[in-house]
Amino acid sequence: MLRLKILASAIPLIAAAVLARVELVSSQRPCIAIGTDTLQIADAPWHADLHVSFTDDPALATVRVALTDRAESADFTVIDDAEGAEDATCTATASTQFIAVSAHPSTGAPVIYLSPDERWADYRIFVSSKHFSARDAAALIVGAHGERPRLAAAF
């Protein structure tokens, strides 16, 4: 009986150690440096300074971000797949702002529409990355610049 009690008390400790190890080896979250500040995709929603969400309906969007196929026409470019590119990561500091991508928009939070049409976009991004998705890049650019008012000529 004593062995069973010892085993039962050890299971939560083992589970905590496994979960802590999983967090320690997790990959670096996408981030960008802006001057001396950094913005990073949050690993947990309660850790975020800003929440953004995405929509497939342009009428619901407060910010439109277009994916462009040319780096020179983009407002924000992420290229880290090039040969010889450094695998540098941002350093999280006390001033790092964390951005969470939420499934449902909260009141006042930016709602991003990834637009295929550059003419109606508030921002244009080019992403060729093994670490960033287009959604990550869009969330970071909106977090960096804040939500702009919707363009006058809507869809």
C-alpha atoms as a PDB file:
ATOM      1  CA  MET A   1       0.000   0.000   0.000  1.00  0.00           C
ATOM      2  CA  LEU A   2       2.843   2.355   0.820  1.00  0.00           C
ATOM      3  CA  ARG A   3       4.380   1.744  -2.610  1.00  0.00           C
ATOM      4  CA  LEU A   4       1.114   2.703  -4.257  1.00  0.00           C
ATOM      5  CA  LYS A   5       0.989   5.971  -2.281  1.00  0.00           C
ATOM      6  CA  ILE A   6       4.582   6.799  -3.210  1.00  0.00           C
ATOM      7  CA  LEU A   7       3.868   6.063  -6.867  1.00  0.00           C
ATOM      8  CA  ALA A   8       0.675   8.150  -6.763  1.00  0.00           C
ATOM      9  CA  SER A   9       2.540  11.104  -5.252  1.00  0.00           C
ATOM     10  CA  ALA A  10       5.386  10.815  -7.787  1.00  0.00           C
ATOM     11  CA  ILE A  11       3.141  10.887 -10.879  1.00  0.00           C
ATOM     12  CA  PRO A  12       2.355  14.637 -10.661  1.00  0.00           C
ATOM     13  CA  LEU A  13       6.064  15.397 -10.218  1.00  0.00           C
ATOM     14  CA  ILE A  14       6.965  13.308 -13.249  1.00  0.00           C
ATOM     15  CA  ALA A  15       4.224  14.976 -15.306  1.00  0.00           C
ATOM     16  CA  ALA A  16       5.440  18.441 -14.270  1.00  0.00           C
ATOM     17  CA  ALA A  17       9.011  17.551 -15.223  1.00  0.00           C
ATOM     18  CA  VAL A  18       7.897  16.285 -18.636  1.00  0.00           C
ATOM     19  CA  LEU A  19       5.817  19.407 -19.295  1.00  0.00           C
ATOM     20  CA  ALA A  20       8.668  21.676 -18.194  1.00  0.00           C
ATOM     21  CA  ARG A  21      11.055  19.863 -20.516  1.00  0.00           C
ATOM     22  CA  VAL A  22       8.628  20.206 -23.440  1.00  0.00           C
ATOM     23  CA  GLU A  23       8.495  23.977 -22.864  1.00  0.00           C
ATOM     24  CA  LEU A  24      12.279  24.223 -22.655  1.00  0.00           C
ATOM     25  CA  VAL A  25      12.829  22.562 -26.017  1.00  0.00           C
ATOM     26  CA  SER A  26       9.996  24.285 -27.833  1.00  0.00           C
ATOM     27  CA  SER A  27      11.005  26.289 -30.885  1.00  0.00           C
ATOM     28  CA  GLN A  28      11.579  30.019 -30.806  1.00  0.00           C
ATOM     29  CA  ARG A  29       8.417  31.978 -31.474  1.00  0.00           C
ATOM     30  CA  PRO A  30       8.431  34.347 -34.488  1.00  0.00           C
ATOM     31  CA  CYS A  31       9.624  37.798 -33.512  1.00  0.00           C
ATOM     32  CA  ILE A  32      10.919  41.041 -34.987  1.00  0.00           C
ATOM     33  CA  ALA A  33      13.182  43.742 -33.621  1.00  0.00           C
ATOM     34  CA  ILE A  34      12.161  47.379 -33.996  1.00  0.00           C
ATOM     35  CA  GLY A  35      14.943  49.603 -32.763  1.00  0.00           C
ATOM     36  CA  THR A  36      15.651  48.446 -29.225  1.00  0.00           C
ATOM     37  CA  ASP A  37      12.202  46.884 -28.792  1.00  0.00           C
ATOM     38  CA  THR A  38      10.975  43.488 -29.913  1.00  0.00           C
ATOM     39  CA  LEU A  39       7.598  42.067 -30.811  1.00  0.00           C
ATOM     40  CA  GLN A  40       7.013  38.358 -30.488  1.00  0.00           C
ATOM     41  CA  ILE A  41       4.162  35.939 -31.077  1.00  0.00           C
ATOM     42  CA  ALA A  42       3.036  34.884 -27.599  1.00  0.00           C
ATOM     43  CA  ASP A  43       3.212  31.262 -26.560  1.00  0.00           C
ATOM     44  CA  ALA A  44       0.100  31.633 -24.406  1.00  0.00           C
ATOM     45  CA  PRO A  45      -2.893  33.980 -24.876  1.00  0.00           C
ATOM     46  CA  TRP A  46      -2.803  35.258 -21.291  1.00  0.00           C
ATOM     47  CA  HIS A  47       0.817  36.328 -21.851  1.00  0.00           C
ATOM     48  CA  ALA A  48      -0.060  38.699 -24.724  1.00  0.00           C
ATOM     49  CA  ASP A  49      -0.065  42.487 -24.714  1.00  0.00           C
ATOM     50  CA  LEU A  50      -2.105  42.591 -27.926  1.00  0.00           C
ATOM     51  CA  HIS A  51      -4.634  40.142 -29.338  1.00  0.00           C
ATOM     52  CA  VAL A  52      -5.354  39.973 -33.060  1.00  0.00           C
ATOM     53  CA  SER A  53      -7.641  37.718 -35.026  1.00  0.00           C
ATOM     54  CA  PHE A  54      -8.081  36.821 -38.666  1.00  0.00           C
ATOM     55  CA  THR A  55     -11.158  36.746 -40.858  1.00  0.00           C
ATOM     56  CA  ASP A  56     -12.009  35.441 -44.312  1.00  0.00           C
ATOM     57  CA  ASP A  57     -14.627  38.178 -44.743  1.00  0.00           C
ATOM     58  CA  PRO A  58     -13.134  41.532 -45.837  1.00  0.00           C
ATOM     59  CA  ALA A  59     -16.215  43.359 -44.538  1.00  0.00           C
ATOM     60  CA  LEU A  60     -15.383  42.274 -40.973  1.00  0.00           C
ATOM     61  CA  ALA A  61     -11.724  43.282 -41.159  1.00  0.00           C
ATOM     62  CA  THR A  62     -10.286  46.357 -39.505  1.00  0.00           C
ATOM     63  CA  VAL A  63      -6.858  45.873 -41.134  1.00  0.00           C
ATOM     64  CA  ARG A  64      -6.089  44.417 -44.560  1.00  0.00           C
ATOM     65  CA  VAL A  65      -2.722  42.814 -45.203  1.00  0.00           C
ATOM     66  CA  ALA A  66      -1.822  41.716 -48.730  1.00  0.00           C
ATOM     67  CA  LEU A  67       0.590  38.933 -49.558  1.00  0.00           C
ATOM     68  CA  THR A  68       2.842  40.112 -52.342  1.00  0.00           C
ATOM     69  CA  ASP A  69       5.108  38.006 -54.520  1.00  0.00           C
ATOM     70  CA  ARG A  70       7.826  40.687 -54.753  1.00  0.00           C
ATOM     71  CA  ALA A  71       9.973  41.641 -51.783  1.00  0.00           C
ATOM     72  CA  GLU A  72      10.682  45.114 -53.166  1.00  0.00           C
ATOM     73  CA  SER A  73       6.994  46.067 -53.154  1.00  0.00           C
ATOM     74  CA  ALA A  74       6.385  44.944 -49.563  1.00  0.00           C
ATOM     75  CA  ASP A  75       6.120  47.107 -46.448  1.00  0.00           C
ATOM     76  CA  PHE A  76       7.412  44.179 -44.384  1.00  0.00           C
ATOM     77  CA  THR A  77       9.661  41.423 -45.702  1.00  0.00           C
ATOM     78  CA  VAL A  78      10.689  38.212 -43.993  1.00  0.00           C
ATOM     79  CA  ILE A  79      13.329  36.157 -45.766  1.00  0.00           C
ATOM     80  CA  ASP A  80      15.252  33.564 -43.801  1.00  0.00           C
ATOM     81  CA  ASP A  81      15.361  30.634 -46.216  1.00  0.00           C
ATOM     82  CA  ALA A  82      18.317  32.009 -48.166  1.00  0.00           C
ATOM     83  CA  GLU A  83      21.487  29.953 -48.070  1.00  0.00           C
ATOM     84  CA  GLY A  84      23.877  31.277 -45.480  1.00  0.00           C
ATOM     85  CA  ALA A  85      21.153  33.151 -43.611  1.00  0.00           C
ATOM     86  CA  GLU A  86      21.787  33.362 -39.898  1.00  0.00           C
ATOM     87  CA  ASP A  87      19.381  31.581 -37.625  1.00  0.00           C
ATOM     88  CA  ALA A  88      19.316  34.458 -35.164  1.00  0.00           C
ATOM     89  CA  THR A  89      16.455  34.899 -32.782  1.00  0.00           C
ATOM     90  CA  CYS A  90      15.162  37.937 -30.985  1.00  0.00           C
ATOM     91  CA  THR A  91      16.019  38.291 -27.352  1.00  0.00           C
ATOM     92  CA  ALA A  92      13.006  38.720 -25.116  1.00  0.00           C
ATOM     93  CA  THR A  93      13.430  41.591 -22.681  1.00  0.00           C
ATOM     94  CA  ALA A  94      11.207  43.354 -20.193  1.00  0.00           C
ATOM     95  CA  SER A  95      10.067  45.683 -22.991  1.00  0.00           C
ATOM     96  CA  THR A  96       9.145  42.861 -25.410  1.00  0.00           C
ATOM     97  CA  GLN A  97       5.547  43.118 -26.531  1.00  0.00           C
ATOM     98  CA  PHE A  98       3.767  39.821 -27.061  1.00  0.00           C
ATOM     99  CA  ILE A  99       1.051  39.337 -29.663  1.00  0.00           C
ATOM    100  CA  ALA A 100      -1.473  36.511 -29.540  1.00  0.00           C
ATOM    101  CA  VAL A 101      -3.530  35.285 -32.454  1.00  0.00           C
ATOM    102  CA  SER A 102      -7.013  34.617 -31.117  1.00  0.00           C
ATOM    103  CA  ALA A 103      -9.628  32.422 -32.707  1.00  0.00           C
ATOM    104  CA  HIS A 104     -12.373  34.955 -32.005  1.00  0.00           C
ATOM    105  CA  PRO A 105     -11.995  38.734 -32.122  1.00  0.00           C
ATOM    106  CA  SER A 106     -12.271  40.624 -28.882  1.00  0.00           C
ATOM    107  CA  THR A 107     -13.747  44.103 -28.667  1.00  0.00           C
ATOM    108  CA  GLY A 108     -11.344  46.700 -29.997  1.00  0.00           C
ATOM    109  CA  ALA A 109      -8.733  44.183 -31.139  1.00  0.00           C
ATOM    110  CA  PRO A 110      -7.497  44.285 -34.749  1.00  0.00           C
ATOM    111  CA  VAL A 111      -9.201  41.871 -37.136  1.00  0.00           C
ATOM    112  CA  ILE A 112      -6.888  41.064 -40.036  1.00  0.00           C
ATOM    113  CA  TYR A 113      -7.911  40.057 -43.534  1.00  0.00           C
ATOM    114  CA  LEU A 114      -5.139  38.510 -45.617  1.00  0.00           C
ATOM    115  CA  SER A 115      -5.981  40.067 -48.948  1.00  0.00           C
ATOM    116  CA  PRO A 116      -4.867  38.823 -52.341  1.00  0.00           C
ATOM    117  CA  ASP A 117      -5.361  42.345 -53.736  1.00  0.00           C
ATOM    118  CA  GLU A 118      -2.607  44.853 -52.945  1.00  0.00           C
ATOM    119  CA  ARG A 119      -4.755  47.825 -54.005  1.00  0.00           C
ATOM    120  CA  TRP A 120      -6.989  47.574 -50.942  1.00  0.00           C
ATOM    121  CA  ALA A 121      -4.287  46.653 -48.421  1.00  0.00           C
ATOM    122  CA  ASP A 122      -3.168  48.714 -45.452  1.00  0.00           C
ATOM    123  CA  TYR A 123       0.103  46.751 -45.449  1.00  0.00           C
ATOM    124  CA  ARG A 124       1.888  44.541 -47.970  1.00  0.00           C
ATOM    125  CA  ILE A 125       4.060  41.664 -46.780  1.00  0.00           C
ATOM    126  CA  PHE A 126       6.446  39.247 -48.460  1.00  0.00           C
ATOM    127  CA  VAL A 127       7.241  36.032 -46.569  1.00  0.00           C
ATOM    128  CA  SER A 128       9.804  33.414 -47.539  1.00  0.00           C
ATOM    129  CA  SER A 129      10.551  31.771 -44.244  1.00  0.00           C
ATOM    130  CA  LYS A 130      10.972  28.498 -42.467  1.00  0.00           C
ATOM    131  CA  HIS A 131      10.003  30.110 -39.131  1.00  0.00           C
ATOM    132  CA  PHE A 132       7.276  32.633 -40.032  1.00  0.00           C
ATOM    133  CA  SER A 133       3.889  31.958 -41.548  1.00  0.00           C
ATOM    134  CA  ALA A 134       2.041  34.686 -43.432  1.00  0.00           C
ATOM    135  CA  ARG A 135      -0.313  34.961 -40.457  1.00  0.00           C
ATOM    136  CA  ASP A 136       2.625  35.426 -38.062  1.00  0.00           C
ATOM    137  CA  ALA A 137       4.078  38.164 -40.260  1.00  0.00           C
ATOM    138  CA  ALA A 138       0.690  39.889 -40.583  1.00  0.00           C
ATOM    139  CA  ALA A 139       0.127  39.786 -36.807  1.00  0.00           C
ATOM    140  CA  LEU A 140       3.593  41.225 -36.164  1.00  0.00           C
ATOM    141  CA  ILE A 141       3.272  44.055 -38.710  1.00  0.00           C
ATOM    142  CA  VAL A 142      -0.119  45.052 -37.303  1.00  0.00           C
ATOM    143  CA  GLY A 143       1.294  44.877 -33.786  1.00  0.00           C
ATOM    144  CA  ALA A 144       4.294  46.975 -34.771  1.00  0.00           C
ATOM    145  CA  HIS A 145       2.321  49.723 -36.480  1.00  0.00           C
ATOM    146  CA  GLY A 146      -0.933  49.514 -34.623  1.00  0.00           C
ATOM    147  CA  GLU A 147      -4.307  49.311 -36.266  1.00  0.00           C
ATOM    148  CA  ARG A 148      -4.773  51.860 -39.032  1.00  0.00           C
ATOM    149  CA  PRO A 149      -8.201  53.088 -40.051  1.00  0.00           C
ATOM    150  CA  ARG A 150      -9.816  51.178 -42.836  1.00  0.00           C
ATOM    151  CA  LEU A 151      -9.181  52.535 -46.316  1.00  0.00           C
ATOM    152  CA  ALA A 152     -12.009  54.673 -47.696  1.00  0.00           C
ATOM    153  CA  ALA A 153     -12.546  52.493 -50.757  1.00  0.00           C
ATOM    154  CA  ALA A 154     -13.799  49.261 -49.225  1.00  0.00           C
ATOM    155  CA  PHE A 155     -14.638  46.057 -51.051  1.00  0.00           C
END
